[in-house]
């Protein structure tokens, strides 16, 4: 962020964070988005995808499975 990045890649950023720290990170991500920063957010936590992301891509065992808009997915399918 010091270098005015336009793209940030986060790989499992909440894996070792407390719930309070996760909240802080999510606020930072929202702020970065409003400033036009693109973020690639890698996670297994589908609730994070639902609350932070506009689009998603699913990979399983290194293979492409699906992609789409988060808004097009109904919540029950997140846990199927």
Protein backbone atom coordinates (compact mmCIF):
# COMPACT_ATOMS: atom_id res chain seq x y z
CA UNK A 1 0.00 0.00 0.00
CA UNK A 2 3.01 2.23 0.49
CA UNK A 3 3.75 2.00 -3.23
CA UNK A 4 0.23 3.00 -4.35
CA UNK A 5 -0.46 -0.51 -5.68
CA UNK A 6 -3.34 -0.97 -8.10
CA UNK A 7 -3.45 -4.74 -7.53
CA UNK A 8 -2.97 -6.65 -4.27
CA UNK A 9 -2.97 -10.44 -4.00
CA UNK A 10 -3.97 -11.90 -0.62
CA UNK A 11 -3.53 -15.65 -0.12
CA UNK A 12 -5.49 -16.94 2.89
CA UNK A 13 -5.04 -13.61 4.70
CA UNK A 14 -7.30 -14.49 7.63
CA UNK A 15 -5.89 -17.97 8.35
CA UNK A 16 -3.96 -16.89 11.45
CA UNK A 17 -5.98 -13.83 12.51
CA UNK A 18 -8.28 -13.36 15.48
CA UNK A 19 -11.90 -12.40 14.83
CA UNK A 20 -11.10 -8.76 15.70
CA UNK A 21 -8.15 -8.76 13.31
CA UNK A 22 -10.32 -10.26 10.57
CA UNK A 23 -12.77 -7.39 11.03
CA UNK A 24 -9.93 -4.89 10.71
CA UNK A 25 -8.65 -6.58 7.55
CA UNK A 26 -12.13 -6.59 6.01
CA UNK A 27 -12.51 -2.86 6.68
CA UNK A 28 -9.15 -2.26 5.00
CA UNK A 29 -10.20 -4.36 1.98
CA UNK A 30 -13.46 -2.39 1.67
CA UNK A 31 -11.52 0.88 1.87
CA UNK A 32 -9.05 -0.25 -0.80
CA UNK A 33 -11.92 -1.23 -3.10
CA UNK A 34 -13.50 2.19 -2.77
CA UNK A 35 -10.14 3.68 -3.80
CA UNK A 36 -10.10 1.58 -6.97
CA UNK A 37 -7.56 -1.02 -5.89
CA UNK A 38 -8.13 -4.48 -7.39
CA UNK A 39 -7.72 -7.39 -4.98
CA UNK A 40 -7.28 -11.07 -5.68
CA UNK A 41 -8.47 -12.70 -2.47
CA UNK A 42 -7.70 -16.42 -2.08
CA UNK A 43 -9.70 -18.14 0.66
CA UNK A 44 -11.58 -21.29 1.61
CA UNK A 45 -13.98 -19.26 3.76
CA UNK A 46 -17.05 -18.77 1.60
CA UNK A 47 -18.57 -16.19 3.95
CA UNK A 48 -15.57 -13.96 3.18
CA UNK A 49 -16.16 -14.35 -0.55
CA UNK A 50 -19.82 -13.45 -0.08
CA UNK A 51 -19.06 -10.30 1.92
CA UNK A 52 -15.91 -9.03 0.16
CA UNK A 53 -15.94 -10.08 -3.47
CA UNK A 54 -17.71 -9.05 -6.66
CA UNK A 55 -16.55 -12.05 -8.70
CA UNK A 56 -15.27 -15.52 -7.91
CA UNK A 57 -13.30 -18.32 -9.53
CA UNK A 58 -13.36 -21.84 -8.12
CA UNK A 59 -10.32 -24.08 -8.46
CA UNK A 60 -10.24 -27.66 -7.19
CA UNK A 61 -7.03 -29.68 -7.21
CA UNK A 62 -5.49 -27.08 -9.50
CA UNK A 63 -8.28 -27.31 -12.05
CA UNK A 64 -10.75 -24.65 -13.11
CA UNK A 65 -14.29 -25.45 -11.93
CA UNK A 66 -16.37 -22.29 -12.30
CA UNK A 67 -16.46 -18.50 -12.19
CA UNK A 68 -19.12 -15.86 -11.93
CA UNK A 69 -20.58 -12.91 -10.10
CA UNK A 70 -21.05 -13.34 -6.36
CA UNK A 71 -24.42 -11.57 -6.65
CA UNK A 72 -25.68 -14.36 -8.95
CA UNK A 73 -25.17 -17.07 -6.32
CA UNK A 74 -27.90 -17.81 -3.80
CA UNK A 75 -26.59 -18.28 -0.22
CA UNK A 76 -27.63 -21.95 0.17
CA UNK A 77 -25.34 -22.96 -2.71
CA UNK A 78 -22.32 -21.55 -0.85
CA UNK A 79 -22.43 -24.56 1.45
CA UNK A 80 -23.55 -27.32 -0.93
